[in-house]
Protein backbone atom coordinates (compact mmCIF):
# COMPACT_ATOMS: atom_id res chain seq x y z
CA MET A 1 107.69 159.03 129.66
CA ASN A 2 107.96 155.46 130.79
CA THR A 3 106.01 154.15 127.68
CA ASN A 4 108.90 155.98 125.67
CA LEU A 5 111.95 154.51 127.23
CA ASN A 6 109.41 151.08 127.41
CA LYS A 7 109.18 151.18 123.25
CA ILE A 8 113.27 152.04 123.20
CA GLY A 9 114.17 149.05 124.67
CA LYS A 10 111.70 147.07 123.21
CA SER A 11 113.10 148.54 119.92
CA ALA A 12 116.96 147.70 120.77
CA LEU A 13 116.20 144.19 122.00
CA LEU A 14 114.62 143.44 119.13
CA SER A 15 117.66 145.22 116.51
CA LEU A 16 120.11 142.99 118.68
CA ILE A 17 118.16 139.59 118.09
CA LEU A 18 118.21 140.55 114.35
CA VAL A 19 121.55 141.50 114.44
CA PHE A 20 122.24 137.69 116.07
CA LEU A 21 119.98 135.95 113.81
CA LEU A 22 121.54 137.44 110.61
CA ALA A 23 125.26 136.79 112.16
CA GLY A 24 124.16 133.02 112.07
CA CYS A 25 122.74 132.81 108.66
CA ALA A 26 124.68 130.55 106.20
CA LYS A 27 126.98 132.21 103.53
CA LYS A 28 125.22 130.98 100.18
CA ILE A 29 127.32 130.67 96.80
CA THR A 30 126.27 130.13 93.35
CA PHE A 31 128.15 127.79 91.31
CA LEU A 32 129.81 129.21 88.25
CA ASN A 33 128.55 127.89 85.02
CA SER A 34 130.37 124.96 83.23
CA SER A 35 131.17 124.03 79.71
CA ILE A 36 131.24 120.05 80.67
CA VAL A 37 127.94 119.83 82.75
CA PRO A 38 126.24 122.92 80.93
CA ALA A 39 122.71 122.31 83.02
CA ALA A 40 123.81 121.61 85.97
CA GLU A 41 123.32 124.48 88.73
CA GLY A 42 123.98 124.59 92.13
CA THR A 43 124.92 126.40 95.66
CA VAL A 44 126.89 126.05 98.80
CA ALA A 45 125.92 127.15 101.92
CA ILE A 46 128.54 127.97 104.58
CA SER A 47 127.97 128.78 108.27
CA GLN A 48 130.69 128.81 111.23
CA ASP A 49 129.11 126.52 113.71
CA LYS A 50 129.32 127.08 118.08
CA ASN A 51 132.86 125.09 117.70
CA GLN A 52 134.10 127.03 114.98
CA ASN A 53 133.87 124.61 112.39
CA TYR A 54 132.59 125.19 109.05
CA LYS A 55 129.14 123.65 108.05
CA ILE A 56 128.88 123.09 104.39
CA ASP A 57 125.79 122.01 102.80
CA LEU A 58 125.80 121.83 98.73
CA THR A 59 123.01 121.47 96.67
CA LEU A 60 123.04 120.73 92.75
CA LYS A 61 120.36 120.03 90.17
CA ARG A 62 120.23 118.38 86.63
CA LEU A 63 124.29 117.20 87.14
CA ALA A 64 124.62 114.65 84.44
CA GLU A 65 125.72 110.93 86.03
CA PRO A 66 129.38 110.80 85.96
CA SER A 67 128.83 107.82 83.60
CA ARG A 68 127.81 109.79 80.87
CA LEU A 69 131.00 112.23 80.76
CA THR A 70 133.26 112.20 78.43
CA PRO A 71 136.05 109.78 79.57
CA PRO A 72 132.89 108.31 81.80
CA LYS A 73 133.71 108.42 85.50
CA LYS A 74 131.93 106.87 88.47
CA VAL A 75 131.45 109.00 91.00
CA TYR A 76 131.54 113.26 91.74
CA VAL A 77 134.05 114.42 94.47
CA VAL A 78 133.61 117.37 96.56
CA TRP A 79 136.96 119.21 97.18
CA ILE A 80 137.58 122.56 99.20
CA GLU A 81 140.51 125.18 99.14
CA THR A 82 141.70 126.33 102.59
CA ASN A 83 144.93 128.21 103.76
CA GLN A 84 145.70 125.88 106.02
CA SER A 85 145.44 122.65 104.95
CA GLY A 86 145.41 123.49 100.98
CA THR A 87 142.82 121.05 99.04
CA GLN A 88 140.76 118.29 100.80
CA ASN A 89 138.55 115.95 99.60
CA ILE A 90 135.40 116.92 101.93
CA GLY A 91 133.16 114.06 100.44
CA GLN A 92 131.26 112.69 97.41
CA LEU A 93 128.28 113.72 96.08
CA SER A 94 124.97 111.72 96.89
CA THR A 95 122.21 111.40 93.60
CA THR A 96 118.62 111.00 93.75
CA THR A 97 115.61 111.41 91.43
CA LYS A 98 112.85 113.68 92.35
CA GLY A 99 109.78 114.45 91.22
CA LEU A 100 107.61 113.24 87.82
CA SER A 101 110.50 114.65 85.71
CA SER A 102 113.06 112.47 86.91
CA MET A 103 115.61 115.13 87.73
CA LEU A 104 118.81 114.73 88.83
CA SER A 105 119.44 115.74 92.28
CA SER A 106 122.52 115.90 94.05
CA SER A 107 123.70 116.95 97.62
CA LEU A 108 126.23 117.00 99.99
CA SER A 109 126.27 118.02 104.04
CA THR A 110 129.72 118.17 106.14
CA VAL A 111 131.84 119.79 108.50
CA SER A 112 135.30 121.53 108.19
CA PRO A 113 137.20 122.45 110.58
CA HIS A 114 139.24 124.60 108.00
CA ARG A 115 137.81 127.81 106.48
CA PRO A 116 136.79 126.80 102.58
CA LEU A 117 138.26 129.16 99.97
CA ARG A 118 136.68 127.74 97.16
CA VAL A 119 134.60 124.98 96.56
CA PHE A 120 134.66 122.58 93.30
CA ILE A 121 133.91 119.30 92.26
CA THR A 122 135.79 116.59 89.66
CA ALA A 123 134.42 113.53 88.10
CA GLU A 124 136.57 110.67 89.47
CA ASP A 125 137.14 106.97 89.73
CA ASP A 126 138.07 106.56 92.97
CA ALA A 127 136.17 108.57 95.71
CA GLU A 128 139.15 108.19 98.26
CA GLY A 129 141.40 110.12 96.26
CA ASN A 130 143.95 112.42 97.90
CA TYR A 131 144.17 114.78 95.08
CA PRO A 132 141.61 115.97 92.70
CA ASP A 133 141.55 114.26 88.92
CA MET A 134 141.21 117.41 86.36
CA PRO A 135 138.88 118.52 84.71
CA VAL A 136 137.18 120.52 87.24
CA VAL A 137 133.74 119.71 86.69
CA LEU A 138 131.85 122.81 88.90
CA THR A 139 133.42 125.27 90.57
CA THR A 140 132.46 128.52 93.16
CA GLY A 141 134.61 131.54 92.66
CA PRO A 142 136.79 132.87 95.81
CA ILE A 143 134.68 132.58 98.82
CA ASN A 144 134.88 135.32 101.26
CA ILE A 145 133.87 134.40 105.01
CA LYS A 146 135.11 136.27 107.77
């Protein structure tokens, strides 16, 4: 009988650990296809930290250099839409070339106190702008984080 209780206790503990691990996992959202940069694809992972801030990790591949767009631009800027503060500039994409294929990769990691409802990217002449330029180069659909 003691062995059965021991097994039940271990099962309950493992289940509890699994629930906590899954709760801490980031929600991964895929960017929608774009007619402006059709080869580009990427994801954004969003998780909430212990301080109730939202950690945002964005990765893209095959995003054309902004200078190759029509009209040419200087940088890609990432924006979030929030209920609390509207549209916010959360940073400039850093771009690198990876591997032998010379495939262009871009990334951004940041933290926001506001819950993102949508993430989108624009091509800009100035990375410090307060309002996004149009058109939107890449966007996610609506993001549902609890």
